[in-house]
Amino acid sequence: MSRPPQRFTALLAAATAAATAAAFMAALAQPAARARGVGEIVMVVCLSAFESEMAQAGKNPPAGMANYACSCVVDQISSGSSLDTARTSCRTATARRYPI
């Protein structure tokens, strides 16, 4: 079987991405799903930032530290705190629990 043309593959990938995005947006239309979706997005972004900051600092965080810190941020934002307030509060709480 021959490979499909590269253009077809790119169009298929774009269509798949569009369908996935549409399904995600439809799920977020419901308030509970929207809250869950935002929390999941915050968690993913937070974990990525956490890993990056630890790598830049040359530190090896103990197991559970990233999840603790980022769950804290998600909880704070879900409770109405701003990102800056959540970040500051959770950094302090995480540093107390995981002194490295």
Protein backbone atom coordinates (compact mmCIF):
# COMPACT_ATOMS: atom_id res chain seq x y z
CA MET A 1 0.00 0.00 0.00
CA SER A 2 1.37 3.41 -0.90
CA ARG A 3 1.62 6.28 1.55
CA PRO A 4 -1.00 9.01 1.28
CA PRO A 5 0.21 12.32 -0.09
CA GLN A 6 1.73 14.64 2.49
CA ARG A 7 -0.99 17.23 1.88
CA PHE A 8 -3.70 14.65 2.66
CA THR A 9 -1.93 13.70 5.88
CA ALA A 10 -1.71 17.36 6.91
CA LEU A 11 -5.40 17.92 6.13
CA LEU A 12 -6.37 14.83 8.10
CA ALA A 13 -4.31 16.00 11.07
CA ALA A 14 -5.93 19.45 10.90
CA ALA A 15 -9.42 17.95 10.71
CA THR A 16 -8.69 15.69 13.67
CA ALA A 17 -7.36 18.61 15.70
CA ALA A 18 -10.42 20.70 14.80
CA ALA A 19 -12.80 17.91 15.81
CA THR A 20 -10.96 17.41 19.09
CA ALA A 21 -11.05 21.14 19.80
CA ALA A 22 -14.77 21.29 19.00
CA ALA A 23 -15.50 18.38 21.34
CA PHE A 24 -13.40 19.98 24.07
CA MET A 25 -15.20 23.31 23.69
CA ALA A 26 -18.60 21.59 23.74
CA ALA A 27 -17.66 19.81 26.96
CA LEU A 28 -16.58 23.11 28.48
CA ALA A 29 -20.01 24.58 27.74
CA GLN A 30 -21.31 22.86 30.86
CA PRO A 31 -20.33 24.76 34.07
CA ALA A 32 -19.00 21.71 35.94
CA ALA A 33 -17.07 20.51 32.90
CA ARG A 34 -15.74 24.02 32.38
CA ALA A 35 -14.42 24.13 35.95
CA ARG A 36 -12.83 20.70 35.54
CA GLY A 37 -11.40 21.70 32.17
CA VAL A 38 -9.87 24.89 33.51
CA GLY A 39 -8.42 22.99 36.48
CA GLU A 40 -6.89 20.43 34.15
CA ILE A 41 -5.38 23.15 31.97
CA VAL A 42 -3.98 24.97 35.02
CA MET A 43 -2.53 21.67 36.28
CA VAL A 44 -0.78 20.90 32.99
CA VAL A 45 0.65 24.41 32.67
CA CYS A 46 1.71 24.42 36.32
CA LEU A 47 3.47 21.05 36.10
CA SER A 48 5.35 22.22 33.01
CA ALA A 49 6.40 25.47 34.70
CA PHE A 50 7.38 23.59 37.86
CA GLU A 51 9.62 21.19 35.95
CA SER A 52 11.19 24.05 34.04
CA GLU A 53 11.89 26.11 37.16
CA MET A 54 13.39 23.13 38.99
CA ALA A 55 15.61 22.30 36.02
CA GLN A 56 16.78 25.91 35.72
CA ALA A 57 17.57 25.95 39.44
CA GLY A 58 19.45 22.65 39.10
CA LYS A 59 17.26 21.06 41.78
CA ASN A 60 15.81 17.57 41.84
CA PRO A 61 12.40 17.84 43.55
CA PRO A 62 11.26 15.00 45.81
CA ALA A 63 8.42 12.73 44.69
CA GLY A 64 5.04 14.34 45.11
CA MET A 65 6.29 17.91 45.28
CA ALA A 66 5.09 18.94 41.82
CA ASN A 67 1.63 17.43 42.32
CA TYR A 68 1.33 19.03 45.74
CA ALA A 69 2.32 22.47 44.46
CA CYS A 70 0.15 22.35 41.36
CA SER A 71 -2.88 20.88 43.13
CA CYS A 72 -2.58 23.78 45.53
CA VAL A 73 -2.59 26.26 42.64
CA VAL A 74 -5.63 24.59 41.06
CA ASP A 75 -7.50 24.62 44.39
CA GLN A 76 -6.65 28.28 45.04
CA ILE A 77 -7.74 29.39 41.56
CA SER A 78 -10.90 27.29 41.79
CA SER A 79 -11.66 29.11 45.04
CA GLY A 80 -11.40 32.48 43.33
CA SER A 81 -7.80 33.50 44.02
CA SER A 82 -5.81 35.27 41.35
CA LEU A 83 -2.94 33.44 39.69
CA ASP A 84 -0.36 35.61 41.47
CA THR A 85 -1.99 35.03 44.87
CA ALA A 86 -2.26 31.29 44.24
CA ARG A 87 1.36 31.09 43.07
CA THR A 88 2.70 32.98 46.09
CA SER A 89 0.58 31.11 48.62
CA CYS A 90 1.35 27.70 47.13
CA ARG A 91 5.08 28.33 46.82
CA THR A 92 5.15 29.14 50.54
CA ALA A 93 3.09 26.07 51.46
CA THR A 94 5.17 23.80 49.21
CA ALA A 95 8.47 25.15 50.59
CA ARG A 96 7.27 24.40 54.12
CA ARG A 97 6.22 20.87 53.23
CA TYR A 98 9.21 20.10 50.97
CA PRO A 99 12.25 22.04 52.18
CA ILE A 100 14.91 21.56 49.51
